[in-house]
Amino acid sequence: MFLASYIISFLSLTSSSLCWRNCGLLPLRDYRYYLNALEEAKYQVDHEALREYFPFDTVLEGMLSIYRDAFGLQFTELKDTETWHPDVLVFQVSEKKK
């Protein structure tokens, strides 16, 4: 709730928070937007600058490795699968063979 109180404070200062003030609700789809805005305004976090420290391939392999070890899963990338965008990766997930 600590973070939520900061987001509420931020929303009360912004003109784009009219729905928040009028109906008292923050749709879940807007949460990440306001969290990023809060981090930029209050803590000067530059998400684009952070990207260089977390290359996609390294992060993806690390994440898949955690799921392999923790849950005994195996991931096989499916390269000839039709997707809605060329950057989308598709994986078949199965139990790791013992």
PDB file of N, CA and C in Angstrom:
ATOM      1  N   MET A   1       0.822  -1.203   0.000  1.00  0.00           N
ATOM      2  CA  MET A   1       0.000   0.000   0.000  1.00  0.00           C
ATOM      3  C   MET A   1       0.860   1.259   0.000  1.00  0.00           C
ATOM      4  N   PHE A   2       2.145   1.111   0.342  1.00  0.00           N
ATOM      5  CA  PHE A   2       3.050   2.245   0.356  1.00  0.00           C
ATOM      6  C   PHE A   2       3.118   2.886  -1.026  1.00  0.00           C
ATOM      7  N   LEU A   3       3.306   2.054  -2.047  1.00  0.00           N
ATOM      8  CA  LEU A   3       3.394   2.549  -3.410  1.00  0.00           C
ATOM      9  C   LEU A   3       2.058   3.118  -3.870  1.00  0.00           C
ATOM     10  N   ALA A   4       0.983   2.476  -3.502  1.00  0.00           N
ATOM     11  CA  ALA A   4      -0.345   2.955  -3.896  1.00  0.00           C
ATOM     12  C   ALA A   4      -0.604   4.359  -3.361  1.00  0.00           C
ATOM     13  N   SER A   5      -0.152   4.657  -2.149  1.00  0.00           N
ATOM     14  CA  SER A   5      -0.374   5.996  -1.601  1.00  0.00           C
ATOM     15  C   SER A   5       0.396   7.047  -2.389  1.00  0.00           C
ATOM     16  N   TYR A   6       1.590   6.697  -2.887  1.00  0.00           N
ATOM     17  CA  TYR A   6       2.335   7.630  -3.724  1.00  0.00           C
ATOM     18  C   TYR A   6       1.626   7.858  -5.056  1.00  0.00           C
ATOM     19  N   ILE A   7       1.072   6.793  -5.621  1.00  0.00           N
ATOM     20  CA  ILE A   7       0.344   6.937  -6.883  1.00  0.00           C
ATOM     21  C   ILE A   7      -0.883   7.811  -6.683  1.00  0.00           C
ATOM     22  N   ILE A   8      -1.592   7.629  -5.594  1.00  0.00           N
ATOM     23  CA  ILE A   8      -2.760   8.455  -5.295  1.00  0.00           C
ATOM     24  C   ILE A   8      -2.351   9.915  -5.152  1.00  0.00           C
ATOM     25  N   SER A   9      -1.234  10.178  -4.474  1.00  0.00           N
ATOM     26  CA  SER A   9      -0.743  11.548  -4.340  1.00  0.00           C
ATOM     27  C   SER A   9      -0.422  12.141  -5.694  1.00  0.00           C
ATOM     28  N   PHE A  10       0.228  11.345  -6.539  1.00  0.00           N
ATOM     29  CA  PHE A  10       0.572  11.811  -7.871  1.00  0.00           C
ATOM     30  C   PHE A  10      -0.677  12.114  -8.687  1.00  0.00           C
ATOM     31  N   LEU A  11      -1.664  11.235  -8.611  1.00  0.00           N
ATOM     32  CA  LEU A  11      -2.897  11.430  -9.368  1.00  0.00           C
ATOM     33  C   LEU A  11      -3.612  12.705  -8.957  1.00  0.00           C
ATOM     34  N   SER A  12      -3.560  13.030  -7.698  1.00  0.00           N
ATOM     35  CA  SER A  12      -4.253  14.233  -7.237  1.00  0.00           C
ATOM     36  C   SER A  12      -3.614  15.504  -7.793  1.00  0.00           C
ATOM     37  N   LEU A  13      -2.363  15.411  -8.251  1.00  0.00           N
ATOM     38  CA  LEU A  13      -1.664  16.575  -8.796  1.00  0.00           C
ATOM     39  C   LEU A  13      -1.803  16.705 -10.309  1.00  0.00           C
ATOM     40  N   THR A  14      -2.246  15.659 -10.970  1.00  0.00           N
ATOM     41  CA  THR A  14      -2.274  15.681 -12.432  1.00  0.00           C
ATOM     42  C   THR A  14      -3.659  16.017 -12.968  1.00  0.00           C
ATOM     43  N   SER A  15      -3.669  16.721 -14.083  1.00  0.00           N
ATOM     44  CA  SER A  15      -4.951  17.059 -14.704  1.00  0.00           C
ATOM     45  C   SER A  15      -5.549  15.860 -15.418  1.00  0.00           C
ATOM     46  N   SER A  16      -4.727  14.858 -15.748  1.00  0.00           N
ATOM     47  CA  SER A  16      -5.244  13.684 -16.453  1.00  0.00           C
ATOM     48  C   SER A  16      -5.939  12.712 -15.509  1.00  0.00           C
ATOM     49  N   SER A  17      -6.041  13.082 -14.261  1.00  0.00           N
ATOM     50  CA  SER A  17      -6.643  12.170 -13.293  1.00  0.00           C
ATOM     51  C   SER A  17      -8.097  12.521 -12.993  1.00  0.00           C
ATOM     52  N   LEU A  18      -8.789  13.142 -13.937  1.00  0.00           N
ATOM     53  CA  LEU A  18     -10.170  13.556 -13.695  1.00  0.00           C
ATOM     54  C   LEU A  18     -11.059  12.383 -13.318  1.00  0.00           C
ATOM     55  N   CYS A  19     -10.893  11.254 -14.006  1.00  0.00           N
ATOM     56  CA  CYS A  19     -11.713  10.085 -13.662  1.00  0.00           C
ATOM     57  C   CYS A  19     -11.384   9.626 -12.250  1.00  0.00           C
ATOM     58  N   TRP A  20     -10.119   9.676 -11.899  1.00  0.00           N
ATOM     59  CA  TRP A  20      -9.721   9.272 -10.544  1.00  0.00           C
ATOM     60  C   TRP A  20     -10.444  10.129  -9.512  1.00  0.00           C
ATOM     61  N   ARG A  21     -10.457  11.435  -9.734  1.00  0.00           N
ATOM     62  CA  ARG A  21     -11.094  12.338  -8.781  1.00  0.00           C
ATOM     63  C   ARG A  21     -12.614  12.173  -8.796  1.00  0.00           C
ATOM     64  N   ASN A  22     -13.183  11.982  -9.971  1.00  0.00           N
ATOM     65  CA  ASN A  22     -14.642  11.939 -10.091  1.00  0.00           C
ATOM     66  C   ASN A  22     -15.236  10.588  -9.704  1.00  0.00           C
ATOM     67  N   CYS A  23     -14.581   9.498 -10.112  1.00  0.00           N
ATOM     68  CA  CYS A  23     -15.202   8.200  -9.841  1.00  0.00           C
ATOM     69  C   CYS A  23     -14.427   7.375  -8.816  1.00  0.00           C
ATOM     70  N   GLY A  24     -13.235   7.837  -8.411  1.00  0.00           N
ATOM     71  CA  GLY A  24     -12.498   7.156  -7.358  1.00  0.00           C
ATOM     72  C   GLY A  24     -11.883   5.832  -7.771  1.00  0.00           C
ATOM     73  N   LEU A  25     -11.762   5.595  -9.070  1.00  0.00           N
ATOM     74  CA  LEU A  25     -11.236   4.318  -9.532  1.00  0.00           C
ATOM     75  C   LEU A  25     -10.010   4.536 -10.403  1.00  0.00           C
ATOM     76  N   LEU A  26      -9.055   3.631 -10.304  1.00  0.00           N
ATOM     77  CA  LEU A  26      -7.903   3.607 -11.201  1.00  0.00           C
ATOM     78  C   LEU A  26      -7.954   2.279 -11.925  1.00  0.00           C
ATOM     79  N   PRO A  27      -8.324   2.296 -13.209  1.00  0.00           N
ATOM     80  CA  PRO A  27      -8.383   1.025 -13.943  1.00  0.00           C
ATOM     81  C   PRO A  27      -7.026   0.345 -13.937  1.00  0.00           C
ATOM     82  N   LEU A  28      -7.023  -0.952 -13.833  1.00  0.00           N
ATOM     83  CA  LEU A  28      -5.788  -1.722 -13.783  1.00  0.00           C
ATOM     84  C   LEU A  28      -4.909  -1.449 -14.996  1.00  0.00           C
ATOM     85  N   ARG A  29      -5.513  -1.244 -16.157  1.00  0.00           N
ATOM     86  CA  ARG A  29      -4.735  -0.998 -17.372  1.00  0.00           C
ATOM     87  C   ARG A  29      -3.934   0.298 -17.291  1.00  0.00           C
ATOM     88  N   ASP A  30      -4.333   1.233 -16.414  1.00  0.00           N
ATOM     89  CA  ASP A  30      -3.635   2.505 -16.270  1.00  0.00           C
ATOM     90  C   ASP A  30      -2.570   2.489 -15.178  1.00  0.00           C
ATOM     91  N   TYR A  31      -2.528   1.456 -14.388  1.00  0.00           N
ATOM     92  CA  TYR A  31      -1.626   1.400 -13.233  1.00  0.00           C
ATOM     93  C   TYR A  31      -0.171   1.585 -13.649  1.00  0.00           C
ATOM     94  N   ARG A  32       0.284   0.832 -14.665  1.00  0.00           N
ATOM     95  CA  ARG A  32       1.684   0.902 -15.101  1.00  0.00           C
ATOM     96  C   ARG A  32       2.012   2.289 -15.632  1.00  0.00           C
ATOM     97  N   TYR A  33       1.093   2.911 -16.355  1.00  0.00           N
ATOM     98  CA  TYR A  33       1.318   4.259 -16.880  1.00  0.00           C
ATOM     99  C   TYR A  33       1.584   5.246 -15.736  1.00  0.00           C
ATOM    100  N   TYR A  34       0.707   5.243 -14.739  1.00  0.00           N
ATOM    101  CA  TYR A  34       0.865   6.176 -13.631  1.00  0.00           C
ATOM    102  C   TYR A  34       2.072   5.840 -12.762  1.00  0.00           C
ATOM    103  N   LEU A  35       2.384   4.562 -12.628  1.00  0.00           N
ATOM    104  CA  LEU A  35       3.572   4.179 -11.872  1.00  0.00           C
ATOM    105  C   LEU A  35       4.823   4.707 -12.563  1.00  0.00           C
ATOM    106  N   ASN A  36       4.913   4.563 -13.883  1.00  0.00           N
ATOM    107  CA  ASN A  36       6.060   5.092 -14.624  1.00  0.00           C
ATOM    108  C   ASN A  36       6.142   6.608 -14.499  1.00  0.00           C
ATOM    109  N   ALA A  37       5.009   7.290 -14.620  1.00  0.00           N
ATOM    110  CA  ALA A  37       4.992   8.748 -14.490  1.00  0.00           C
ATOM    111  C   ALA A  37       5.451   9.167 -13.102  1.00  0.00           C
ATOM    112  N   LEU A  38       5.016   8.445 -12.078  1.00  0.00           N
ATOM    113  CA  LEU A  38       5.430   8.742 -10.711  1.00  0.00           C
ATOM    114  C   LEU A  38       6.928   8.550 -10.542  1.00  0.00           C
ATOM    115  N   GLU A  39       7.449   7.443 -11.066  1.00  0.00           N
ATOM    116  CA  GLU A  39       8.889   7.181 -10.936  1.00  0.00           C
ATOM    117  C   GLU A  39       9.713   8.250 -11.648  1.00  0.00           C
ATOM    118  N   GLU A  40       9.231   8.704 -12.795  1.00  0.00           N
ATOM    119  CA  GLU A  40       9.950   9.753 -13.518  1.00  0.00           C
ATOM    120  C   GLU A  40       9.875  11.083 -12.775  1.00  0.00           C
ATOM    121  N   ALA A  41       8.697  11.425 -12.255  1.00  0.00           N
ATOM    122  CA  ALA A  41       8.513  12.720 -11.597  1.00  0.00           C
ATOM    123  C   ALA A  41       9.171  12.777 -10.222  1.00  0.00           C
ATOM    124  N   LYS A  42       8.972  11.755  -9.416  1.00  0.00           N
ATOM    125  CA  LYS A  42       9.430  11.796  -8.029  1.00  0.00           C
ATOM    126  C   LYS A  42      10.869  11.333  -7.856  1.00  0.00           C
ATOM    127  N   TYR A  43      11.274  10.313  -8.662  1.00  0.00           N
ATOM    128  CA  TYR A  43      12.585   9.693  -8.450  1.00  0.00           C
ATOM    129  C   TYR A  43      13.537   9.868  -9.630  1.00  0.00           C
ATOM    130  N   GLN A  44      13.125  10.591 -10.674  1.00  0.00           N
ATOM    131  CA  GLN A  44      13.927  10.823 -11.867  1.00  0.00           C
ATOM    132  C   GLN A  44      14.425   9.516 -12.499  1.00  0.00           C
ATOM    133  N   VAL A  45      13.575   8.501 -12.528  1.00  0.00           N
ATOM    134  CA  VAL A  45      13.908   7.224 -13.155  1.00  0.00           C
ATOM    135  C   VAL A  45      13.713   7.359 -14.662  1.00  0.00           C
ATOM    136  N   ASP A  46      14.741   7.031 -15.426  1.00  0.00           N
ATOM    137  CA  ASP A  46      14.662   7.060 -16.883  1.00  0.00           C
ATOM    138  C   ASP A  46      14.633   5.614 -17.378  1.00  0.00           C
ATOM    139  N   HIS A  47      13.435   5.132 -17.718  1.00  0.00           N
ATOM    140  CA  HIS A  47      13.272   3.737 -18.107  1.00  0.00           C
ATOM    141  C   HIS A  47      14.021   3.408 -19.391  1.00  0.00           C
ATOM    142  N   GLU A  48      14.133   4.350 -20.286  1.00  0.00           N
ATOM    143  CA  GLU A  48      14.888   4.112 -21.522  1.00  0.00           C
ATOM    144  C   GLU A  48      16.375   3.953 -21.226  1.00  0.00           C
ATOM    145  N   ALA A  49      16.908   4.717 -20.295  1.00  0.00           N
ATOM    146  CA  ALA A  49      18.324   4.582 -19.932  1.00  0.00           C
ATOM    147  C   ALA A  49      18.590   3.242 -19.247  1.00  0.00           C
ATOM    148  N   LEU A  50      17.609   2.742 -18.497  1.00  0.00           N
ATOM    149  CA  LEU A  50      17.769   1.449 -17.822  1.00  0.00           C
ATOM    150  C   LEU A  50      17.838   0.287 -18.797  1.00  0.00           C
ATOM    151  N   ARG A  51      17.243   0.441 -19.971  1.00  0.00           N
ATOM    152  CA  ARG A  51      17.203  -0.648 -20.950  1.00  0.00           C
ATOM    153  C   ARG A  51      18.597  -1.141 -21.326  1.00  0.00           C
ATOM    154  N   GLU A  52      19.558  -0.253 -21.393  1.00  0.00           N
ATOM    155  CA  GLU A  52      20.903  -0.670 -21.810  1.00  0.00           C
ATOM    156  C   GLU A  52      21.540  -1.624 -20.803  1.00  0.00           C
ATOM    157  N   TYR A  53      21.093  -1.616 -19.558  1.00  0.00           N
ATOM    158  CA  TYR A  53      21.639  -2.510 -18.533  1.00  0.00           C
ATOM    159  C   TYR A  53      20.925  -3.861 -18.488  1.00  0.00           C
ATOM    160  N   PHE A  54      19.836  -3.985 -19.222  1.00  0.00           N
ATOM    161  CA  PHE A  54      19.051  -5.220 -19.230  1.00  0.00           C
ATOM    162  C   PHE A  54      18.771  -5.651 -20.666  1.00  0.00           C
ATOM    163  N   PRO A  55      19.793  -6.149 -21.378  1.00  0.00           N
ATOM    164  CA  PRO A  55      19.563  -6.568 -22.769  1.00  0.00           C
ATOM    165  C   PRO A  55      18.518  -7.678 -22.840  1.00  0.00           C
ATOM    166  N   PHE A  56      17.661  -7.596 -23.828  1.00  0.00           N
ATOM    167  CA  PHE A  56      16.531  -8.509 -23.937  1.00  0.00           C
ATOM    168  C   PHE A  56      16.956  -9.972 -23.902  1.00  0.00           C
ATOM    169  N   ASP A  57      17.947 -10.346 -24.694  1.00  0.00           N
ATOM    170  CA  ASP A  57      18.357 -11.750 -24.765  1.00  0.00           C
ATOM    171  C   ASP A  57      18.836 -12.278 -23.416  1.00  0.00           C
ATOM    172  N   THR A  58      19.566 -11.466 -22.681  1.00  0.00           N
ATOM    173  CA  THR A  58      20.057 -11.862 -21.357  1.00  0.00           C
ATOM    174  C   THR A  58      18.904 -12.029 -20.368  1.00  0.00           C
ATOM    175  N   VAL A  59      17.981 -11.083 -20.382  1.00  0.00           N
ATOM    176  CA  VAL A  59      16.823 -11.140 -19.475  1.00  0.00           C
ATOM    177  C   VAL A  59      15.934 -12.343 -19.808  1.00  0.00           C
ATOM    178  N   LEU A  60      15.692 -12.572 -21.097  1.00  0.00           N
ATOM    179  CA  LEU A  60      14.855 -13.703 -21.507  1.00  0.00           C
ATOM    180  C   LEU A  60      15.487 -15.020 -21.075  1.00  0.00           C
ATOM    181  N   GLU A  61      16.762 -15.201 -21.343  1.00  0.00           N
ATOM    182  CA  GLU A  61      17.429 -16.447 -20.959  1.00  0.00           C
ATOM    183  C   GLU A  61      17.431 -16.622 -19.444  1.00  0.00           C
ATOM    184  N   GLY A  62      17.642 -15.547 -18.691  1.00  0.00           N
ATOM    185  CA  GLY A  62      17.599 -15.621 -17.233  1.00  0.00           C
ATOM    186  C   GLY A  62      16.228 -16.019 -16.722  1.00  0.00           C
ATOM    187  N   MET A  63      15.179 -15.434 -17.306  1.00  0.00           N
ATOM    188  CA  MET A  63      13.822 -15.750 -16.889  1.00  0.00           C
ATOM    189  C   MET A  63      13.483 -17.210 -17.199  1.00  0.00           C
ATOM    190  N   LEU A  64      13.819 -17.662 -18.402  1.00  0.00           N
ATOM    191  CA  LEU A  64      13.542 -19.051 -18.766  1.00  0.00           C
ATOM    192  C   LEU A  64      14.331 -20.018 -17.889  1.00  0.00           C
ATOM    193  N   SER A  65      15.542 -19.653 -17.541  1.00  0.00           N
ATOM    194  CA  SER A  65      16.378 -20.487 -16.669  1.00  0.00           C
ATOM    195  C   SER A  65      15.748 -20.644 -15.283  1.00  0.00           C
ATOM    196  N   ILE A  66      15.190 -19.575 -14.764  1.00  0.00           N
ATOM    197  CA  ILE A  66      14.523 -19.636 -13.453  1.00  0.00           C
ATOM    198  C   ILE A  66      13.347 -20.596 -13.508  1.00  0.00           C
ATOM    199  N   TYR A  67      12.527 -20.506 -14.566  1.00  0.00           N
ATOM    200  CA  TYR A  67      11.372 -21.396 -14.694  1.00  0.00           C
ATOM    201  C   TYR A  67      11.801 -22.839 -14.940  1.00  0.00           C
ATOM    202  N   ARG A  68      12.912 -23.033 -15.668  1.00  0.00           N
ATOM    203  CA  ARG A  68      13.434 -24.396 -15.862  1.00  0.00           C
ATOM    204  C   ARG A  68      13.804 -25.020 -14.522  1.00  0.00           C
ATOM    205  N   ASP A  69      14.545 -24.262 -13.727  1.00  0.00           N
ATOM    206  CA  ASP A  69      15.037 -24.779 -12.444  1.00  0.00           C
ATOM    207  C   ASP A  69      13.932 -24.904 -11.400  1.00  0.00           C
ATOM    208  N   ALA A  70      13.086 -23.903 -11.302  1.00  0.00           N
ATOM    209  CA  ALA A  70      12.069 -23.878 -10.245  1.00  0.00           C
ATOM    210  C   ALA A  70      10.918 -24.848 -10.500  1.00  0.00           C
ATOM    211  N   PHE A  71      10.519 -24.992 -11.759  1.00  0.00           N
ATOM    212  CA  PHE A  71       9.328 -25.779 -12.055  1.00  0.00           C
ATOM    213  C   PHE A  71       9.587 -26.990 -12.944  1.00  0.00           C
ATOM    214  N   GLY A  72      10.849 -27.214 -13.308  1.00  0.00           N
ATOM    215  CA  GLY A  72      11.170 -28.364 -14.142  1.00  0.00           C
ATOM    216  C   GLY A  72      10.571 -28.282 -15.532  1.00  0.00           C
ATOM    217  N   LEU A  73      10.594 -27.087 -16.116  1.00  0.00           N
ATOM    218  CA  LEU A  73      10.013 -26.890 -17.439  1.00  0.00           C
ATOM    219  C   LEU A  73      11.089 -26.853 -18.513  1.00  0.00           C
ATOM    220  N   GLN A  74      10.669 -27.135 -19.716  1.00  0.00           N
ATOM    221  CA  GLN A  74      11.554 -27.064 -20.880  1.00  0.00           C
ATOM    222  C   GLN A  74      10.897 -26.140 -21.894  1.00  0.00           C
ATOM    223  N   PHE A  75      11.678 -25.243 -22.483  1.00  0.00           N
ATOM    224  CA  PHE A  75      11.154 -24.276 -23.446  1.00  0.00           C
ATOM    225  C   PHE A  75      11.797 -24.521 -24.802  1.00  0.00           C
ATOM    226  N   THR A  76      10.962 -24.637 -25.826  1.00  0.00           N
ATOM    227  CA  THR A  76      11.436 -24.808 -27.190  1.00  0.00           C
ATOM    228  C   THR A  76      10.855 -23.673 -28.020  1.00  0.00           C
ATOM    229  N   GLU A  77      11.736 -22.876 -28.611  1.00  0.00           N
ATOM    230  CA  GLU A  77      11.253 -21.756 -29.418  1.00  0.00           C
ATOM    231  C   GLU A  77      10.693 -22.288 -30.737  1.00  0.00           C
ATOM    232  N   LEU A  78       9.518 -21.816 -31.102  1.00  0.00           N
ATOM    233  CA  LEU A  78       8.872 -22.192 -32.355  1.00  0.00           C
ATOM    234  C   LEU A  78       9.080 -21.045 -33.341  1.00  0.00           C
ATOM    235  N   LYS A  79       9.926 -21.267 -34.314  1.00  0.00           N
ATOM    236  CA  LYS A  79      10.316 -20.171 -35.214  1.00  0.00           C
ATOM    237  C   LYS A  79       9.347 -19.953 -36.365  1.00  0.00           C
ATOM    238  N   ASP A  80       8.657 -20.988 -36.821  1.00  0.00           N
ATOM    239  CA  ASP A  80       7.784 -20.866 -37.993  1.00  0.00           C
ATOM    240  C   ASP A  80       6.315 -20.690 -37.605  1.00  0.00           C
ATOM    241  N   THR A  81       6.076 -19.927 -36.558  1.00  0.00           N
ATOM    242  CA  THR A  81       4.723 -19.694 -36.081  1.00  0.00           C
ATOM    243  C   THR A  81       4.282 -18.287 -36.483  1.00  0.00           C
ATOM    244  N   GLU A  82       3.078 -18.175 -36.992  1.00  0.00           N
ATOM    245  CA  GLU A  82       2.554 -16.865 -37.376  1.00  0.00           C
ATOM    246  C   GLU A  82       2.204 -16.076 -36.118  1.00  0.00           C
ATOM    247  N   THR A  83       2.662 -14.841 -36.067  1.00  0.00           N
ATOM    248  CA  THR A  83       2.374 -13.960 -34.928  1.00  0.00           C
ATOM    249  C   THR A  83       1.857 -12.623 -35.451  1.00  0.00           C
ATOM    250  N   TRP A  84       1.359 -11.798 -34.557  1.00  0.00           N
ATOM    251  CA  TRP A  84       0.802 -10.502 -34.930  1.00  0.00           C
ATOM    252  C   TRP A  84       1.877  -9.441 -35.116  1.00  0.00           C
ATOM    253  N   HIS A  85       3.126  -9.749 -34.703  1.00  0.00           N
ATOM    254  CA  HIS A  85       4.230  -8.801 -34.858  1.00  0.00           C
ATOM    255  C   HIS A  85       5.531  -9.578 -35.006  1.00  0.00           C
ATOM    256  N   PRO A  86       6.450  -9.121 -35.843  1.00  0.00           N
ATOM    257  CA  PRO A  86       7.693  -9.868 -36.055  1.00  0.00           C
ATOM    258  C   PRO A  86       8.570 -10.015 -34.806  1.00  0.00           C
ATOM    259  N   ASP A  87       8.406  -9.154 -33.814  1.00  0.00           N
ATOM    260  CA  ASP A  87       9.219  -9.242 -32.595  1.00  0.00           C
ATOM    261  C   ASP A  87       8.710 -10.276 -31.594  1.00  0.00           C
ATOM    262  N   VAL A  88       7.515 -10.810 -31.825  1.00  0.00           N
ATOM    263  CA  VAL A  88       6.914 -11.759 -30.885  1.00  0.00           C
ATOM    264  C   VAL A  88       7.620 -13.109 -30.988  1.00  0.00           C
ATOM    265  N   LEU A  89       7.976 -13.669 -29.828  1.00  0.00           N
ATOM    266  CA  LEU A  89       8.583 -14.998 -29.763  1.00  0.00           C
ATOM    267  C   LEU A  89       7.548 -15.979 -29.234  1.00  0.00           C
ATOM    268  N   VAL A  90       7.536 -17.179 -29.794  1.00  0.00           N
ATOM    269  CA  VAL A  90       6.591 -18.211 -29.374  1.00  0.00           C
ATOM    270  C   VAL A  90       7.399 -19.401 -28.872  1.00  0.00           C
ATOM    271  N   PHE A  91       7.014 -19.903 -27.695  1.00  0.00           N
ATOM    272  CA  PHE A  91       7.696 -21.040 -27.098  1.00  0.00           C
ATOM    273  C   PHE A  91       6.697 -22.145 -26.807  1.00  0.00           C
ATOM    274  N   GLN A  92       7.135 -23.367 -27.016  1.00  0.00           N
ATOM    275  CA  GLN A  92       6.376 -24.525 -26.557  1.00  0.00           C
ATOM    276  C   GLN A  92       6.920 -24.849 -25.173  1.00  0.00           C
ATOM    277  N   VAL A  93       6.020 -25.024 -24.233  1.00  0.00           N
ATOM    278  CA  VAL A  93       6.421 -25.300 -22.855  1.00  0.00           C
ATOM    279  C   VAL A  93       6.014 -26.730 -22.521  1.00  0.00           C
ATOM    280  N   SER A  94       6.967 -27.489 -21.983  1.00  0.00           N
ATOM    281  CA  SER A  94       6.689 -28.876 -21.587  1.00  0.00           C
ATOM    282  C   SER A  94       7.475 -29.198 -20.336  1.00  0.00           C
ATOM    283  N   GLU A  95       7.127 -30.322 -19.725  1.00  0.00           N
ATOM    284  CA  GLU A  95       7.878 -30.761 -18.548  1.00  0.00           C
ATOM    285  C   GLU A  95       9.242 -31.268 -18.982  1.00  0.00           C
ATOM    286  N   LYS A  96      10.258 -30.932 -18.186  1.00  0.00           N
ATOM    287  CA  LYS A  96      11.604 -31.382 -18.494  1.00  0.00           C
ATOM    288  C   LYS A  96      11.675 -32.892 -18.332  1.00  0.00           C
ATOM    289  N   LYS A  97      12.305 -33.544 -19.292  1.00  0.00           N
ATOM    290  CA  LYS A  97      12.453 -34.996 -19.207  1.00  0.00           C
ATOM    291  C   LYS A  97      13.458 -35.340 -18.117  1.00  0.00           C
ATOM    292  N   LYS A  98      13.133 -36.379 -17.332  1.00  0.00           N
ATOM    293  CA  LYS A  98      14.002 -36.740 -16.210  1.00  0.00           C
ATOM    294  C   LYS A  98      15.132 -37.630 -16.628  1.00  0.00           C
TER     295      LYS A  98
END
